[in-house]
């Protein structure tokens, strides 16, 4: 079976999951959207859940790629924080359907099927972030903390803020609050003296 059919089924799955949710989606609806036969579907994926897990990994890869594209080891602390938060907000707005799937629709129980691949993708993102972050921590320009804590303080508030947009409860573009999110993350991640110096340098 060609990779084209797999891609078609993933695209169709994303559209159907976005419209009906995971529970409401059916293999028949996904097949119809992809114009695939029953045999074609089950040749590629053993079940709706297997397709959902594969789609989760594909969307996660796209998200991580967008985040890593915003990073350069030469960026200072505030530039890197700002770049990552803006990259997150841009991806959520410009890839809204994928973002809804990743942050609103995906289920923890799928993790059993994709755990190793997810761990490998997360490790690649962590390595990219650490190449930028570690020298800044060593110079005292970022607070020392575990990578997991760093990402939670950096992106966690933006993810929470974007939920209303992704669910449709708030139509306002979340990028309008980028400066506030960046300022809050900077206060959480950059030692106070460093924040003051950066603010004086920018004024």
N, C-alpha and C. Protein backbone atom coordinates (compact mmCIF):
# COMPACT_ATOMS: atom_id res chain seq x y z
N UNK A 1 0.85 -1.19 0.00
CA UNK A 1 0.00 0.00 0.00
C UNK A 1 0.89 1.24 0.00
N UNK A 2 0.56 2.19 -0.84
CA UNK A 2 1.39 3.37 -0.97
C UNK A 2 1.28 4.27 0.25
N UNK A 3 2.34 5.08 0.44
CA UNK A 3 2.29 6.05 1.53
C UNK A 3 1.21 7.08 1.27
N UNK A 4 0.82 7.25 -0.01
CA UNK A 4 -0.23 8.19 -0.35
C UNK A 4 -1.54 7.83 0.31
N UNK A 5 -1.88 6.55 0.34
CA UNK A 5 -3.12 6.13 1.00
C UNK A 5 -3.04 6.38 2.50
N UNK A 6 -1.88 6.12 3.09
CA UNK A 6 -1.72 6.38 4.53
C UNK A 6 -1.91 7.87 4.82
N UNK A 7 -1.28 8.70 4.00
CA UNK A 7 -1.42 10.15 4.18
C UNK A 7 -2.88 10.59 4.01
N UNK A 8 -3.55 10.03 3.02
CA UNK A 8 -4.96 10.38 2.79
C UNK A 8 -5.82 10.01 3.99
N UNK A 9 -5.55 8.85 4.56
CA UNK A 9 -6.32 8.41 5.73
C UNK A 9 -6.03 9.29 6.95
N UNK A 10 -4.79 9.71 7.11
CA UNK A 10 -4.45 10.59 8.23
C UNK A 10 -5.14 11.96 8.09
N UNK A 11 -5.12 12.50 6.86
CA UNK A 11 -5.79 13.78 6.61
C UNK A 11 -7.29 13.64 6.87
N UNK A 12 -7.86 12.55 6.38
CA UNK A 12 -9.29 12.31 6.58
C UNK A 12 -9.60 12.12 8.07
N UNK A 13 -8.74 11.37 8.75
CA UNK A 13 -8.94 11.15 10.18
C UNK A 13 -8.93 12.45 10.95
N UNK A 14 -8.00 13.34 10.62
CA UNK A 14 -7.92 14.63 11.30
C UNK A 14 -9.22 15.41 11.11
N UNK A 15 -9.73 15.43 9.89
CA UNK A 15 -10.96 16.17 9.60
C UNK A 15 -12.15 15.58 10.34
N UNK A 16 -12.25 14.26 10.37
CA UNK A 16 -13.39 13.61 11.01
C UNK A 16 -13.30 13.73 12.53
N UNK A 17 -12.12 13.54 13.08
CA UNK A 17 -11.96 13.70 14.53
C UNK A 17 -12.27 15.13 14.95
N UNK A 18 -11.87 16.10 14.12
CA UNK A 18 -12.11 17.50 14.45
C UNK A 18 -13.61 17.80 14.44
N UNK A 19 -14.33 17.16 13.55
CA UNK A 19 -15.77 17.43 13.42
C UNK A 19 -16.60 16.64 14.42
N UNK A 20 -16.22 15.39 14.67
CA UNK A 20 -17.06 14.50 15.46
C UNK A 20 -16.45 14.11 16.81
N UNK A 21 -15.16 14.42 17.02
CA UNK A 21 -14.49 13.92 18.21
C UNK A 21 -14.07 12.47 18.01
N UNK A 22 -13.22 11.98 18.91
CA UNK A 22 -12.74 10.61 18.74
C UNK A 22 -13.87 9.60 18.90
N UNK A 23 -14.70 9.78 19.92
CA UNK A 23 -15.77 8.81 20.18
C UNK A 23 -16.78 8.80 19.05
N UNK A 24 -17.09 9.96 18.52
CA UNK A 24 -18.10 10.04 17.47
C UNK A 24 -17.62 9.60 16.10
N UNK A 25 -16.31 9.63 15.89
CA UNK A 25 -15.75 9.25 14.59
C UNK A 25 -15.87 7.74 14.37
N UNK A 26 -16.07 7.37 13.13
CA UNK A 26 -16.13 5.95 12.77
C UNK A 26 -15.16 5.67 11.63
N UNK A 27 -14.77 4.42 11.53
CA UNK A 27 -13.92 4.01 10.41
C UNK A 27 -14.62 4.31 9.10
N UNK A 28 -15.93 4.07 9.05
CA UNK A 28 -16.68 4.31 7.82
C UNK A 28 -16.62 5.78 7.41
N UNK A 29 -16.74 6.68 8.38
CA UNK A 29 -16.69 8.11 8.07
C UNK A 29 -15.30 8.51 7.58
N UNK A 30 -14.27 7.94 8.18
CA UNK A 30 -12.90 8.25 7.76
C UNK A 30 -12.65 7.70 6.37
N UNK A 31 -13.11 6.47 6.11
CA UNK A 31 -12.95 5.88 4.78
C UNK A 31 -13.65 6.72 3.72
N UNK A 32 -14.85 7.17 4.05
CA UNK A 32 -15.62 7.97 3.09
C UNK A 32 -14.89 9.27 2.79
N UNK A 33 -14.37 9.90 3.81
CA UNK A 33 -13.65 11.16 3.61
C UNK A 33 -12.41 10.94 2.75
N UNK A 34 -11.72 9.83 2.97
CA UNK A 34 -10.50 9.52 2.22
C UNK A 34 -10.77 8.82 0.90
N UNK A 35 -12.03 8.47 0.66
CA UNK A 35 -12.41 7.69 -0.53
C UNK A 35 -11.59 6.40 -0.60
N UNK A 36 -11.56 5.71 0.54
CA UNK A 36 -10.79 4.47 0.65
C UNK A 36 -11.73 3.30 0.92
N UNK A 37 -11.37 2.16 0.40
CA UNK A 37 -12.17 0.96 0.65
C UNK A 37 -11.91 0.43 2.05
N UNK A 38 -12.78 -0.44 2.50
CA UNK A 38 -12.60 -1.06 3.82
C UNK A 38 -11.28 -1.82 3.87
N UNK A 39 -10.97 -2.53 2.80
CA UNK A 39 -9.72 -3.29 2.75
C UNK A 39 -8.50 -2.38 2.79
N UNK A 40 -8.59 -1.25 2.09
CA UNK A 40 -7.47 -0.31 2.08
C UNK A 40 -7.21 0.24 3.48
N UNK A 41 -8.30 0.59 4.18
CA UNK A 41 -8.12 1.12 5.54
C UNK A 41 -7.41 0.10 6.42
N UNK A 42 -7.93 -1.11 6.46
CA UNK A 42 -7.40 -2.10 7.39
C UNK A 42 -6.07 -2.69 6.94
N UNK A 43 -5.70 -2.42 5.71
CA UNK A 43 -4.35 -2.79 5.28
C UNK A 43 -3.33 -1.83 5.90
N UNK A 44 -3.73 -0.58 6.11
CA UNK A 44 -2.82 0.44 6.64
C UNK A 44 -2.92 0.52 8.16
N UNK A 45 -4.14 0.54 8.70
CA UNK A 45 -4.36 0.68 10.14
C UNK A 45 -5.25 -0.43 10.65
N UNK A 46 -4.89 -0.96 11.81
CA UNK A 46 -5.67 -2.05 12.37
C UNK A 46 -6.97 -1.61 13.02
N UNK A 47 -7.08 -0.34 13.32
CA UNK A 47 -8.27 0.15 14.02
C UNK A 47 -8.30 1.67 13.97
N UNK A 48 -9.41 2.23 14.38
CA UNK A 48 -9.52 3.69 14.51
C UNK A 48 -8.50 4.20 15.52
N UNK A 49 -8.31 3.49 16.60
CA UNK A 49 -7.36 3.91 17.63
C UNK A 49 -5.93 3.91 17.09
N UNK A 50 -5.59 2.92 16.26
CA UNK A 50 -4.25 2.90 15.68
C UNK A 50 -4.03 4.10 14.77
N UNK A 51 -5.03 4.44 13.98
CA UNK A 51 -4.92 5.64 13.14
C UNK A 51 -4.78 6.88 14.02
N UNK A 52 -5.56 6.94 15.09
CA UNK A 52 -5.50 8.11 15.98
C UNK A 52 -4.11 8.26 16.59
N UNK A 53 -3.49 7.14 16.97
CA UNK A 53 -2.14 7.21 17.52
C UNK A 53 -1.12 7.67 16.50
N UNK A 54 -1.23 7.16 15.28
CA UNK A 54 -0.31 7.57 14.22
C UNK A 54 -0.50 9.05 13.90
N UNK A 55 -1.74 9.50 13.90
CA UNK A 55 -2.02 10.91 13.64
C UNK A 55 -1.45 11.79 14.76
N UNK A 56 -1.57 11.34 15.99
CA UNK A 56 -1.01 12.07 17.13
C UNK A 56 0.49 12.29 16.93
N UNK A 57 1.20 11.24 16.54
CA UNK A 57 2.64 11.37 16.34
C UNK A 57 2.97 12.31 15.19
N UNK A 58 2.17 12.26 14.13
CA UNK A 58 2.41 13.14 12.97
C UNK A 58 2.19 14.60 13.35
N UNK A 59 1.11 14.87 14.07
CA UNK A 59 0.82 16.25 14.49
C UNK A 59 1.87 16.72 15.49
N UNK A 60 2.27 15.84 16.41
CA UNK A 60 3.30 16.21 17.38
C UNK A 60 4.60 16.57 16.67
N UNK A 61 4.93 15.83 15.62
CA UNK A 61 6.15 16.12 14.85
C UNK A 61 6.06 17.51 14.21
N UNK A 62 4.93 17.84 13.65
CA UNK A 62 4.74 19.16 13.04
C UNK A 62 4.89 20.26 14.09
N UNK A 63 4.30 20.05 15.26
CA UNK A 63 4.38 21.04 16.33
C UNK A 63 5.82 21.24 16.80
N UNK A 64 6.51 20.14 17.03
CA UNK A 64 7.89 20.24 17.49
C UNK A 64 8.77 20.93 16.44
N UNK A 65 8.53 20.63 15.16
CA UNK A 65 9.32 21.25 14.10
C UNK A 65 9.12 22.77 14.10
N UNK A 66 7.90 23.21 14.32
CA UNK A 66 7.62 24.64 14.37
C UNK A 66 8.32 25.29 15.56
N UNK A 67 8.35 24.60 16.69
CA UNK A 67 9.01 25.14 17.87
C UNK A 67 10.52 25.23 17.66
N UNK A 68 11.11 24.15 17.14
CA UNK A 68 12.56 24.13 16.94
C UNK A 68 13.01 25.15 15.90
N UNK A 69 12.15 25.41 14.91
CA UNK A 69 12.50 26.39 13.88
C UNK A 69 12.65 27.79 14.46
N UNK A 70 12.05 28.02 15.63
CA UNK A 70 12.12 29.34 16.25
C UNK A 70 13.39 29.53 17.08
N UNK A 71 14.14 28.46 17.28
CA UNK A 71 15.30 28.53 18.17
C UNK A 71 16.60 28.62 17.40
N UNK A 72 17.51 29.41 17.95
CA UNK A 72 18.87 29.51 17.45
C UNK A 72 19.77 29.61 18.69
N UNK A 73 20.85 28.83 18.75
CA UNK A 73 21.71 28.90 19.94
C UNK A 73 22.24 30.28 20.25
N UNK A 74 22.23 31.18 19.26
CA UNK A 74 22.75 32.53 19.48
C UNK A 74 21.75 33.46 20.17
N UNK A 75 20.49 33.05 20.29
CA UNK A 75 19.48 33.91 20.90
C UNK A 75 19.73 34.06 22.39
N UNK A 76 19.52 35.28 22.91
CA UNK A 76 19.64 35.45 24.35
C UNK A 76 18.37 34.92 25.03
N UNK A 77 18.31 35.04 26.36
CA UNK A 77 17.21 34.44 27.10
C UNK A 77 15.85 34.99 26.66
N UNK A 78 15.73 36.30 26.64
CA UNK A 78 14.44 36.90 26.30
C UNK A 78 14.06 36.63 24.85
N UNK A 79 15.03 36.67 23.95
CA UNK A 79 14.74 36.39 22.54
C UNK A 79 14.25 34.96 22.36
N UNK A 80 14.91 34.02 23.04
CA UNK A 80 14.50 32.62 22.92
C UNK A 80 13.13 32.37 23.51
N UNK A 81 12.88 32.94 24.69
CA UNK A 81 11.56 32.80 25.31
C UNK A 81 10.48 33.38 24.39
N UNK A 82 10.73 34.57 23.89
CA UNK A 82 9.76 35.21 23.00
C UNK A 82 9.54 34.42 21.72
N UNK A 83 10.64 33.91 21.15
CA UNK A 83 10.52 33.14 19.92
C UNK A 83 9.72 31.87 20.10
N UNK A 84 9.93 31.17 21.20
CA UNK A 84 9.21 29.92 21.44
C UNK A 84 7.73 30.16 21.70
N UNK A 85 7.42 31.18 22.49
CA UNK A 85 6.01 31.46 22.77
C UNK A 85 5.29 31.92 21.51
N UNK A 86 5.93 32.79 20.73
CA UNK A 86 5.29 33.23 19.49
C UNK A 86 5.14 32.07 18.51
N UNK A 87 6.12 31.16 18.47
CA UNK A 87 6.01 29.99 17.60
C UNK A 87 4.82 29.12 18.01
N UNK A 88 4.65 28.95 19.31
CA UNK A 88 3.51 28.17 19.80
C UNK A 88 2.19 28.83 19.38
N UNK A 89 2.07 30.13 19.61
CA UNK A 89 0.83 30.83 19.28
C UNK A 89 0.57 30.82 17.77
N UNK A 90 1.61 31.03 16.98
CA UNK A 90 1.45 30.99 15.52
C UNK A 90 0.95 29.63 15.07
N UNK A 91 1.55 28.56 15.62
CA UNK A 91 1.17 27.22 15.20
C UNK A 91 -0.28 26.93 15.58
N UNK A 92 -0.69 27.33 16.77
CA UNK A 92 -2.05 27.11 17.21
C UNK A 92 -3.04 27.81 16.27
N UNK A 93 -2.74 29.03 15.88
CA UNK A 93 -3.66 29.80 15.03
C UNK A 93 -3.62 29.30 13.59
N UNK A 94 -2.44 29.08 13.06
CA UNK A 94 -2.30 28.73 11.64
C UNK A 94 -2.54 27.25 11.38
N UNK A 95 -2.42 26.41 12.42
CA UNK A 95 -2.68 24.97 12.29
C UNK A 95 -3.74 24.58 13.33
N UNK A 96 -4.84 25.32 13.31
CA UNK A 96 -5.83 25.18 14.38
C UNK A 96 -6.38 23.77 14.49
N UNK A 97 -6.66 23.14 13.36
CA UNK A 97 -7.23 21.80 13.41
C UNK A 97 -6.24 20.82 14.05
N UNK A 98 -4.98 20.91 13.66
CA UNK A 98 -3.96 20.06 14.27
C UNK A 98 -3.80 20.37 15.75
N UNK A 99 -3.83 21.66 16.09
CA UNK A 99 -3.68 22.05 17.49
C UNK A 99 -4.84 21.54 18.33
N UNK A 100 -6.05 21.62 17.80
CA UNK A 100 -7.20 21.07 18.52
C UNK A 100 -7.03 19.58 18.76
N UNK A 101 -6.52 18.91 17.76
CA UNK A 101 -6.32 17.47 17.91
C UNK A 101 -5.28 17.18 18.98
N UNK A 102 -4.17 17.89 18.94
CA UNK A 102 -3.07 17.63 19.87
C UNK A 102 -3.44 17.98 21.30
N UNK A 103 -4.08 19.13 21.49
CA UNK A 103 -4.30 19.64 22.85
C UNK A 103 -5.70 19.40 23.39
N UNK A 104 -6.68 19.13 22.52
CA UNK A 104 -8.06 19.00 22.98
C UNK A 104 -8.66 17.62 22.77
N UNK A 105 -8.26 16.92 21.72
CA UNK A 105 -8.95 15.69 21.33
C UNK A 105 -8.17 14.44 21.72
N UNK A 106 -6.84 14.49 21.64
CA UNK A 106 -6.03 13.29 21.89
C UNK A 106 -6.26 12.77 23.30
N UNK A 107 -6.07 11.47 23.49
CA UNK A 107 -6.36 10.80 24.75
C UNK A 107 -5.09 10.17 25.32
N UNK A 108 -4.97 10.19 26.63
CA UNK A 108 -3.81 9.59 27.30
C UNK A 108 -3.71 8.10 27.03
N UNK A 109 -4.86 7.43 26.91
CA UNK A 109 -4.81 5.97 26.74
C UNK A 109 -4.19 5.55 25.42
N UNK A 110 -4.12 6.46 24.44
CA UNK A 110 -3.44 6.10 23.19
C UNK A 110 -1.95 5.95 23.42
N UNK A 111 -1.45 6.53 24.51
CA UNK A 111 -0.01 6.54 24.76
C UNK A 111 0.62 5.18 24.82
N UNK A 112 -0.17 4.18 25.24
CA UNK A 112 0.39 2.83 25.33
C UNK A 112 0.86 2.33 23.97
N UNK A 113 0.17 2.76 22.92
CA UNK A 113 0.51 2.28 21.58
C UNK A 113 1.65 3.07 20.95
N UNK A 114 1.83 4.32 21.36
CA UNK A 114 2.80 5.19 20.70
C UNK A 114 3.86 5.72 21.65
N UNK A 115 3.93 5.15 22.85
CA UNK A 115 4.77 5.70 23.91
C UNK A 115 6.24 5.86 23.48
N UNK A 116 6.82 4.82 22.90
CA UNK A 116 8.25 4.88 22.55
C UNK A 116 8.51 5.95 21.50
N UNK A 117 7.66 6.00 20.48
CA UNK A 117 7.84 7.00 19.42
C UNK A 117 7.62 8.41 19.97
N UNK A 118 6.65 8.57 20.86
CA UNK A 118 6.41 9.87 21.47
C UNK A 118 7.61 10.29 22.31
N UNK A 119 8.16 9.35 23.06
CA UNK A 119 9.32 9.66 23.90
C UNK A 119 10.50 10.10 23.03
N UNK A 120 10.70 9.44 21.90
CA UNK A 120 11.80 9.80 21.01
C UNK A 120 11.60 11.19 20.44
N UNK A 121 10.36 11.53 20.05
CA UNK A 121 10.09 12.87 19.52
C UNK A 121 10.29 13.93 20.59
N UNK A 122 9.82 13.64 21.80
CA UNK A 122 10.00 14.60 22.90
C UNK A 122 11.48 14.81 23.21
N UNK A 123 12.25 13.73 23.10
CA UNK A 123 13.69 13.84 23.36
C UNK A 123 14.37 14.73 22.34
N UNK A 124 13.96 14.64 21.07
CA UNK A 124 14.56 15.51 20.04
C UNK A 124 14.23 16.97 20.31
N UNK A 125 13.00 17.24 20.73
CA UNK A 125 12.65 18.62 21.08
C UNK A 125 13.46 19.10 22.27
N UNK A 126 13.57 18.25 23.28
CA UNK A 126 14.32 18.62 24.49
C UNK A 126 15.78 18.90 24.16
N UNK A 127 16.36 18.10 23.28
CA UNK A 127 17.75 18.31 22.90
C UNK A 127 17.93 19.66 22.20
N UNK A 128 16.99 20.00 21.33
CA UNK A 128 17.07 21.28 20.64
C UNK A 128 16.95 22.45 21.59
N UNK A 129 16.03 22.35 22.54
CA UNK A 129 15.86 23.41 23.53
C UNK A 129 17.10 23.52 24.42
N UNK A 130 17.65 22.38 24.80
CA UNK A 130 18.81 22.39 25.70
C UNK A 130 20.05 22.98 25.05
N UNK A 131 20.20 22.82 23.74
CA UNK A 131 21.34 23.43 23.06
C UNK A 131 21.33 24.94 23.20
N UNK A 132 20.13 25.50 23.24
CA UNK A 132 20.01 26.95 23.46
C UNK A 132 20.05 27.29 24.94
N UNK A 133 19.37 26.50 25.76
CA UNK A 133 19.15 26.86 27.16
C UNK A 133 20.38 26.65 28.05
N UNK A 134 21.09 25.53 27.86
CA UNK A 134 22.16 25.16 28.78
C UNK A 134 23.23 26.25 28.95
N UNK A 135 23.73 26.86 27.87
CA UNK A 135 24.73 27.93 28.05
C UNK A 135 24.18 29.13 28.82
N UNK A 136 22.90 29.43 28.64
CA UNK A 136 22.29 30.56 29.35
C UNK A 136 22.16 30.27 30.84
N UNK A 137 21.83 29.02 31.17
CA UNK A 137 21.78 28.62 32.58
C UNK A 137 23.17 28.72 33.19
N UNK A 138 24.18 28.25 32.45
CA UNK A 138 25.56 28.27 32.95
C UNK A 138 26.03 29.71 33.21
N UNK A 139 25.54 30.66 32.43
CA UNK A 139 25.94 32.06 32.60
C UNK A 139 25.03 32.81 33.57
N UNK A 140 24.07 32.12 34.15
CA UNK A 140 23.17 32.75 35.10
C UNK A 140 22.09 33.60 34.46
N UNK A 141 21.85 33.41 33.16
CA UNK A 141 20.85 34.22 32.46
C UNK A 141 19.47 33.57 32.48
N UNK A 142 19.40 32.31 32.86
CA UNK A 142 18.14 31.61 33.08
C UNK A 142 18.23 30.88 34.41
N UNK A 143 17.09 30.78 35.11
CA UNK A 143 17.08 30.01 36.35
C UNK A 143 17.43 28.55 36.05
N UNK A 144 18.23 27.90 36.89
CA UNK A 144 18.46 26.46 36.73
C UNK A 144 17.23 25.68 37.17
N UNK A 145 16.76 24.79 36.32
CA UNK A 145 15.62 23.93 36.64
C UNK A 145 15.62 22.77 35.66
N UNK A 146 14.84 21.77 35.94
CA UNK A 146 14.78 20.62 35.03
C UNK A 146 14.16 21.05 33.70
N UNK A 147 14.50 20.34 32.61
CA UNK A 147 13.90 20.67 31.32
C UNK A 147 12.37 20.62 31.34
N UNK A 148 11.81 19.65 32.06
CA UNK A 148 10.35 19.54 32.13
C UNK A 148 9.75 20.76 32.82
N UNK A 149 10.37 21.20 33.92
CA UNK A 149 9.88 22.39 34.61
C UNK A 149 10.01 23.63 33.72
N UNK A 150 11.13 23.72 33.00
CA UNK A 150 11.34 24.87 32.13
C UNK A 150 10.24 24.98 31.08
N UNK A 151 9.95 23.87 30.41
CA UNK A 151 8.93 23.90 29.35
C UNK A 151 7.55 24.19 29.94
N UNK A 152 7.27 23.65 31.14
CA UNK A 152 5.96 23.89 31.74
C UNK A 152 5.78 25.37 32.08
N UNK A 153 6.84 26.01 32.55
CA UNK A 153 6.75 27.44 32.86
C UNK A 153 6.71 28.29 31.59
N UNK A 154 7.38 27.82 30.56
CA UNK A 154 7.47 28.58 29.31
C UNK A 154 6.20 28.50 28.48
N UNK A 155 5.75 27.27 28.18
CA UNK A 155 4.66 27.05 27.25
C UNK A 155 3.34 26.74 27.95
N UNK A 156 3.41 26.23 29.19
CA UNK A 156 2.20 25.85 29.90
C UNK A 156 1.13 26.94 29.94
N UNK A 157 1.47 28.16 30.37
CA UNK A 157 0.45 29.22 30.39
C UNK A 157 -0.14 29.52 29.01
N UNK A 158 0.69 29.50 27.98
CA UNK A 158 0.19 29.76 26.63
C UNK A 158 -0.76 28.65 26.18
N UNK A 159 -0.44 27.40 26.53
CA UNK A 159 -1.33 26.29 26.18
C UNK A 159 -2.68 26.44 26.86
N UNK A 160 -2.66 26.78 28.14
CA UNK A 160 -3.91 26.97 28.87
C UNK A 160 -4.71 28.13 28.27
N UNK A 161 -4.02 29.22 27.98
CA UNK A 161 -4.70 30.39 27.44
C UNK A 161 -5.35 30.07 26.09
N UNK A 162 -4.71 29.23 25.29
CA UNK A 162 -5.21 28.93 23.95
C UNK A 162 -6.41 27.99 23.95
N UNK A 163 -6.73 27.38 25.09
CA UNK A 163 -7.81 26.40 25.10
C UNK A 163 -9.16 27.01 24.71
N UNK A 164 -9.43 28.22 25.19
CA UNK A 164 -10.71 28.85 24.85
C UNK A 164 -10.81 29.10 23.34
N UNK A 165 -9.69 29.47 22.73
CA UNK A 165 -9.67 29.69 21.28
C UNK A 165 -9.88 28.37 20.54
N UNK A 166 -9.20 27.32 20.99
CA UNK A 166 -9.31 26.03 20.30
C UNK A 166 -10.69 25.41 20.46
N UNK A 167 -11.32 25.64 21.59
CA UNK A 167 -12.66 25.07 21.82
C UNK A 167 -13.76 25.90 21.17
N UNK A 168 -13.41 27.12 20.71
CA UNK A 168 -14.41 27.99 20.11
C UNK A 168 -15.12 28.90 21.10
N UNK A 169 -14.74 28.81 22.39
CA UNK A 169 -15.38 29.67 23.40
C UNK A 169 -14.96 31.14 23.25
N UNK A 170 -13.78 31.37 22.69
CA UNK A 170 -13.26 32.72 22.52
C UNK A 170 -12.70 32.82 21.11
N UNK A 171 -13.21 33.74 20.32
CA UNK A 171 -12.78 33.88 18.93
C UNK A 171 -11.57 34.80 18.78
N UNK A 172 -11.16 35.46 19.86
CA UNK A 172 -10.04 36.39 19.79
C UNK A 172 -8.75 35.64 19.46
N UNK A 173 -7.95 36.22 18.59
CA UNK A 173 -6.67 35.64 18.20
C UNK A 173 -5.74 35.67 19.41
N UNK A 174 -5.28 34.50 19.89
CA UNK A 174 -4.43 34.48 21.09
C UNK A 174 -3.10 35.18 20.90
N UNK A 175 -2.69 35.40 19.66
CA UNK A 175 -1.43 36.10 19.42
C UNK A 175 -1.48 37.54 19.92
N UNK A 176 -2.69 38.05 20.13
CA UNK A 176 -2.83 39.39 20.66
C UNK A 176 -2.31 39.54 22.08
N UNK A 177 -2.15 38.43 22.79
CA UNK A 177 -1.64 38.45 24.16
C UNK A 177 -0.20 37.96 24.23
N UNK A 178 0.49 37.90 23.09
CA UNK A 178 1.85 37.37 23.07
C UNK A 178 2.77 38.14 24.01
N UNK A 179 2.72 39.45 23.98
CA UNK A 179 3.63 40.25 24.81
C UNK A 179 3.42 39.97 26.30
N UNK A 180 2.17 39.83 26.72
CA UNK A 180 1.89 39.54 28.12
C UNK A 180 2.40 38.16 28.51
N UNK A 181 2.16 37.17 27.66
CA UNK A 181 2.64 35.81 27.94
C UNK A 181 4.17 35.77 28.01
N UNK A 182 4.81 36.50 27.11
CA UNK A 182 6.28 36.55 27.10
C UNK A 182 6.79 37.24 28.36
N UNK A 183 6.16 38.33 28.75
CA UNK A 183 6.60 39.04 29.96
C UNK A 183 6.46 38.16 31.20
N UNK A 184 5.35 37.42 31.30
CA UNK A 184 5.15 36.54 32.45
C UNK A 184 6.16 35.40 32.46
N UNK A 185 6.42 34.81 31.29
CA UNK A 185 7.39 33.72 31.22
C UNK A 185 8.79 34.22 31.54
N UNK A 186 9.11 35.41 31.08
CA UNK A 186 10.42 35.98 31.36
C UNK A 186 10.61 36.18 32.86
N UNK A 187 9.58 36.68 33.53
CA UNK A 187 9.65 36.85 34.99
C UNK A 187 9.83 35.52 35.70
N UNK A 188 9.26 34.45 35.15
CA UNK A 188 9.36 33.14 35.79
C UNK A 188 10.69 32.45 35.53
N UNK A 189 11.34 32.77 34.41
CA UNK A 189 12.50 31.99 33.98
C UNK A 189 13.83 32.73 34.05
N UNK A 190 13.78 34.06 34.07
CA UNK A 190 15.00 34.86 34.09
C UNK A 190 15.19 35.45 35.48
N UNK A 191 16.36 35.31 36.10
CA UNK A 191 16.60 35.89 37.43
C UNK A 191 16.29 37.38 37.44
N UNK A 192 15.76 37.90 38.56
CA UNK A 192 15.28 39.29 38.61
C UNK A 192 16.29 40.33 38.12
N UNK A 193 17.53 40.23 38.54
CA UNK A 193 18.53 41.20 38.10
C UNK A 193 18.71 41.20 36.60
N UNK A 194 18.61 40.01 36.00
CA UNK A 194 18.77 39.90 34.53
C UNK A 194 17.58 40.53 33.82
N UNK A 195 16.38 40.32 34.36
CA UNK A 195 15.19 40.92 33.75
C UNK A 195 15.31 42.43 33.76
N UNK A 196 15.71 43.00 34.91
CA UNK A 196 15.84 44.46 35.02
C UNK A 196 16.86 44.99 34.03
N UNK A 197 18.00 44.29 33.90
CA UNK A 197 19.02 44.74 32.96
C UNK A 197 18.52 44.72 31.53
N UNK A 198 17.78 43.66 31.16
CA UNK A 198 17.26 43.55 29.80
C UNK A 198 16.23 44.65 29.54
N UNK A 199 15.38 44.95 30.58
CA UNK A 199 14.39 46.00 30.38
C UNK A 199 15.04 47.37 30.23
N UNK A 200 16.10 47.63 31.02
CA UNK A 200 16.79 48.91 30.89
C UNK A 200 17.49 49.03 29.55
N UNK A 201 18.03 47.87 29.09
CA UNK A 201 18.72 47.90 27.80
C UNK A 201 17.77 48.13 26.64
N UNK A 202 16.49 47.69 26.82
CA UNK A 202 15.51 47.85 25.74
C UNK A 202 14.90 49.23 25.74
N UNK A 203 15.03 49.96 26.85
CA UNK A 203 14.38 51.27 26.95
C UNK A 203 15.24 52.36 26.35
